[in-house]
Amino acid sequence: MQFIDRAEIEVEGGKGGDGIVAFRREKYVPAGGPAGGNGGRGGSVCLEVADHLQTLLDFKYERRFQGENGERGGPNNRTGASGSDRIIQVPVGTVVYDADTGELLGDLVTPGQTLCVAQGGKGGLGNKHFLSNSNRAPEYALPGLPGEKRLLRLELKLLAEVGIIGLPNAGKSTLIAALSAARPKIADYPFTTLIPNLGVVRKPTGDGTVFADIPGLIAGASQGAGLGHDFLRHIERTRLLVHLVDITDEDPVAAYQTIQQELLAYGRDLPERPQILALNKVDAVDKETQELVVSKLAQLTSVPIFLISAVARTGLEALLAQIWQTLDRLSVDYS
């Protein structure tokens, strides 16, 4: 399945039905008067959150959606039938913008949540509505109004409590595979991961927490370099960031600073997001090197620093304990 996390669609509410001109024609009613019914309302276009969807792939093939038109009014003051609403299903985490104005229309994060994005047009009035003392037999009615028309930009932002960030080959996919049942593609070359990987990690209480491996972050990611510009927004919803640094990197400190600078440049409160720093692949370096790197990083940041090996699965229990402790503290702060 392709991971499509951005799409543009055109939505248009249905046209309201026309009102009609009609008069009562009944036996023993010689002057029945106007009896033209109103047109029915056009159907609206609404988005609905469906938890079985994971991407915006469907909108690659269908991009125009319209509500059903309302029916014209009938004689004997009968109102035309209203048009059916068009319901479009979108995945959890979809953010909806007006593509022309940039206005945020809605943030859809709860299964079953709905958002009306294009109202149907009102039905036209039949000639009965224009009856007056000065006009006892109006011979005109109003047409239905067109529905609202909009160009929408849809963006998918993953719902994950913990985001794993770091340069390519830091071991993010290996870590998420070690912590969860996720089985992402893993190889020893940059940009193996081209889409975010999600994994559910079980707490000691049995509750599941979603972790996301965010790919493609390099220097210049916030300005569009590499894949980072496409995927930085996926960590906007995370409550906690785990910054993974390859301790075997030529300059682990510079690698750490590169990602931190990109978070700062991207903004949106990411620099203030709680973080944990994990130095990965410690099984490949000696104790002296580990201590030296930790010492240098401790001078740059006050966040907790952990030494781990995702491949050897060492240090993961301590890391997870810190993650659960931090999430619990954040939950208390939010309540």
Foldseek 3Di string as FASTA:
>chain_A
DDAAFKAKAKEWWAWWAWWAWDFDDDPPCPHGFTFIAWWAWTAFEKEAEAAVDDHPVVCVPPGYYYWHYTHYTDGRHRYTHYTHHHYHYDYAQKWKAQPVPRHTQDGHHDHGDMGTDKGTWHTKGYCVVVDDPVPRRDHDIGGTGTIGITMMMIGGADAFQEEEDFFFQLCLQLQLVLQFVDDQDDDRDGCSDPDKDWGWGADPVGDTGIYIYFHFDFQCLLVPPTCNVVGVRNCLNYQEYEYGFALPDPDRVVRVVRRLVSLVSNDSCSNVRHYAYEHEPCVVDDPVSVVVNVVVVVVVDVHHYFYYYSVVGPRVVVVVVVVVVVVVVVVVVVD
